[in-house]
Each structure stands twice: as C-alpha cells, then as structure tokens.
Amino acid sequence: MMNIEELRKIFCEDGLYAVCVENGNFVSHYRIMCLRKNGAALINFVDGRVTDGFILREGEFVTSLQALKEIGIKAGFSAFAEE
C-alpha cells in the first residue's frame, strides 16, 4: 500500500485524476487539467491502464465512436492520432 507522502507527490497539482488500482496499489494514473469546474470527461484505458483523457467543451456530446475520434483528435487526444 502507498503511504500518504507518496500520494501527495502523485496528486500535487490541480486537476481531475483517473486512477487504476490493482490489489490496493496504483498501477497507472493520469491528470486531466481542468480549465472549467463543470463538464464531462473522457478517459482512455489500454489494457487496464489509464493512458489519456480530456474534458469535453461546453455543449459537446459523444454519440458514436466516430464522433469520439473526431473530438479526441481536435483535443489532442493521442490515443486516436494514429488510427
């Protein structure tokens, strides 16, 4: 298990954190910088590990994988850049 000092080092900056925990240990985490206090967040996992994430703009809504890909590319979401 991680102690509080280890957690403070990981979570020392403002933002939204996505964390993957296995057997009580963090195996991956990703910080999404939040420029607004409201909005939906999309988080990408690959093989159970957090790899990327971003906040949707106001009024954006994902209705399909194609729409998700287009929004992700606009936001610089690296998981879609090579598809």
C-alpha atoms as a PDB file:
ATOM      1  CA  MET A   1       0.000   0.000   0.000  1.00  0.00           C
ATOM      2  CA  MET A   2       1.102   3.543  -0.699  1.00  0.00           C
ATOM      3  CA  ASN A   3       1.599   5.958   2.161  1.00  0.00           C
ATOM      4  CA  ILE A   4       0.206   9.484   2.297  1.00  0.00           C
ATOM      5  CA  GLU A   5       3.521  11.106   1.295  1.00  0.00           C
ATOM      6  CA  GLU A   6       3.670   9.015  -1.899  1.00  0.00           C
ATOM      7  CA  LEU A   7       0.083  10.015  -2.678  1.00  0.00           C
ATOM      8  CA  ARG A   8       0.852  13.708  -2.125  1.00  0.00           C
ATOM      9  CA  LYS A   9       3.726  13.510  -4.628  1.00  0.00           C
ATOM     10  CA  ILE A  10       1.438  11.973  -7.258  1.00  0.00           C
ATOM     11  CA  PHE A  11      -1.562  14.247  -6.663  1.00  0.00           C
ATOM     12  CA  CYS A  12       0.201  17.561  -6.019  1.00  0.00           C
ATOM     13  CA  GLU A  13      -1.250  19.528  -8.958  1.00  0.00           C
ATOM     14  CA  ASP A  14      -4.808  20.752  -9.527  1.00  0.00           C
ATOM     15  CA  GLY A  15      -6.898  18.697 -11.914  1.00  0.00           C
ATOM     16  CA  LEU A  16      -9.024  15.612 -12.315  1.00  0.00           C
ATOM     17  CA  TYR A  17      -7.166  12.343 -11.775  1.00  0.00           C
ATOM     18  CA  ALA A  18      -8.093   8.986 -13.277  1.00  0.00           C
ATOM     19  CA  VAL A  19      -6.514   6.127 -11.344  1.00  0.00           C
ATOM     20  CA  CYS A  20      -6.314   2.382 -11.969  1.00  0.00           C
ATOM     21  CA  VAL A  21      -5.859   0.344  -8.767  1.00  0.00           C
ATOM     22  CA  GLU A  22      -4.915  -3.339  -8.582  1.00  0.00           C
ATOM     23  CA  ASN A  23      -4.504  -5.201  -5.296  1.00  0.00           C
ATOM     24  CA  GLY A  24      -4.524  -1.931  -3.364  1.00  0.00           C
ATOM     25  CA  ASN A  25      -1.748  -0.324  -5.441  1.00  0.00           C
ATOM     26  CA  PHE A  26      -1.911   2.356  -8.116  1.00  0.00           C
ATOM     27  CA  VAL A  27      -0.821   0.806 -11.397  1.00  0.00           C
ATOM     28  CA  SER A  28      -1.471   3.902 -13.508  1.00  0.00           C
ATOM     29  CA  HIS A  29      -2.829   7.407 -13.221  1.00  0.00           C
ATOM     30  CA  TYR A  30      -3.422  10.377 -15.488  1.00  0.00           C
ATOM     31  CA  ARG A  31      -4.062  14.035 -14.632  1.00  0.00           C
ATOM     32  CA  ILE A  32      -6.561  15.970 -16.717  1.00  0.00           C
ATOM     33  CA  MET A  33      -6.090  19.714 -16.421  1.00  0.00           C
ATOM     34  CA  CYS A  34      -9.489  21.264 -15.683  1.00  0.00           C
ATOM     35  CA  LEU A  35      -9.965  24.753 -17.060  1.00  0.00           C
ATOM     36  CA  ARG A  36     -13.639  24.729 -16.011  1.00  0.00           C
ATOM     37  CA  LYS A  37     -15.463  23.487 -12.946  1.00  0.00           C
ATOM     38  CA  ASN A  38     -18.225  21.808 -14.990  1.00  0.00           C
ATOM     39  CA  GLY A  39     -18.173  19.411 -17.905  1.00  0.00           C
ATOM     40  CA  ALA A  40     -17.887  15.803 -18.983  1.00  0.00           C
ATOM     41  CA  ALA A  41     -14.549  13.986 -19.016  1.00  0.00           C
ATOM     42  CA  LEU A  42     -13.438  11.201 -21.341  1.00  0.00           C
ATOM     43  CA  ILE A  43     -10.737   8.858 -20.091  1.00  0.00           C
ATOM     44  CA  ASN A  44      -8.925   6.261 -22.210  1.00  0.00           C
ATOM     45  CA  PHE A  45      -7.750   2.909 -20.866  1.00  0.00           C
ATOM     46  CA  VAL A  46      -5.479   0.456 -22.702  1.00  0.00           C
ATOM     47  CA  ASP A  47      -5.017  -2.986 -21.161  1.00  0.00           C
ATOM     48  CA  GLY A  48      -6.479  -1.671 -17.899  1.00  0.00           C
ATOM     49  CA  ARG A  49      -4.056   1.269 -17.705  1.00  0.00           C
ATOM     50  CA  VAL A  50      -5.057   4.930 -17.882  1.00  0.00           C
ATOM     51  CA  THR A  51      -3.347   6.395 -20.953  1.00  0.00           C
ATOM     52  CA  ASP A  52      -5.017   9.728 -21.662  1.00  0.00           C
ATOM     53  CA  GLY A  53      -8.041  11.891 -21.005  1.00  0.00           C
ATOM     54  CA  PHE A  54      -9.648  15.251 -21.670  1.00  0.00           C
ATOM     55  CA  ILE A  55     -12.627  17.441 -20.764  1.00  0.00           C
ATOM     56  CA  LEU A  56     -15.348  17.954 -23.379  1.00  0.00           C
ATOM     57  CA  ARG A  57     -16.163  21.530 -24.280  1.00  0.00           C
ATOM     58  CA  GLU A  58     -19.469  23.003 -23.144  1.00  0.00           C
ATOM     59  CA  GLY A  59     -22.278  21.582 -25.248  1.00  0.00           C
ATOM     60  CA  GLU A  60     -20.199  18.697 -26.675  1.00  0.00           C
ATOM     61  CA  PHE A  61     -21.769  15.270 -26.507  1.00  0.00           C
ATOM     62  CA  VAL A  62     -20.409  11.983 -27.841  1.00  0.00           C
ATOM     63  CA  THR A  63     -22.942   9.889 -29.754  1.00  0.00           C
ATOM     64  CA  SER A  64     -20.683   7.437 -31.607  1.00  0.00           C
ATOM     65  CA  LEU A  65     -17.136   6.133 -31.770  1.00  0.00           C
ATOM     66  CA  GLN A  66     -16.570   8.261 -34.899  1.00  0.00           C
ATOM     67  CA  ALA A  67     -17.707  11.387 -33.024  1.00  0.00           C
ATOM     68  CA  LEU A  68     -15.446  10.415 -30.128  1.00  0.00           C
ATOM     69  CA  LYS A  69     -12.498  10.019 -32.510  1.00  0.00           C
ATOM     70  CA  GLU A  70     -13.112  13.426 -34.123  1.00  0.00           C
ATOM     71  CA  ILE A  71     -13.434  15.167 -30.755  1.00  0.00           C
ATOM     72  CA  GLY A  72     -10.365  13.337 -29.453  1.00  0.00           C
ATOM     73  CA  ILE A  73      -8.218  14.402 -32.402  1.00  0.00           C
ATOM     74  CA  LYS A  74      -9.334  18.043 -32.002  1.00  0.00           C
ATOM     75  CA  ALA A  75      -8.436  17.886 -28.310  1.00  0.00           C
ATOM     76  CA  GLY A  76      -5.021  16.336 -28.992  1.00  0.00           C
ATOM     77  CA  PHE A  77      -6.063  13.002 -27.514  1.00  0.00           C
ATOM     78  CA  SER A  78      -3.090  10.849 -28.507  1.00  0.00           C
ATOM     79  CA  ALA A  79      -4.990   7.540 -28.497  1.00  0.00           C
ATOM     80  CA  PHE A  80      -6.727   8.488 -31.777  1.00  0.00           C
ATOM     81  CA  ALA A  81      -3.888  10.194 -33.624  1.00  0.00           C
ATOM     82  CA  GLU A  82      -2.601   7.013 -35.283  1.00  0.00           C
ATOM     83  CA  GLU A  83      -5.935   5.353 -36.185  1.00  0.00           C
END
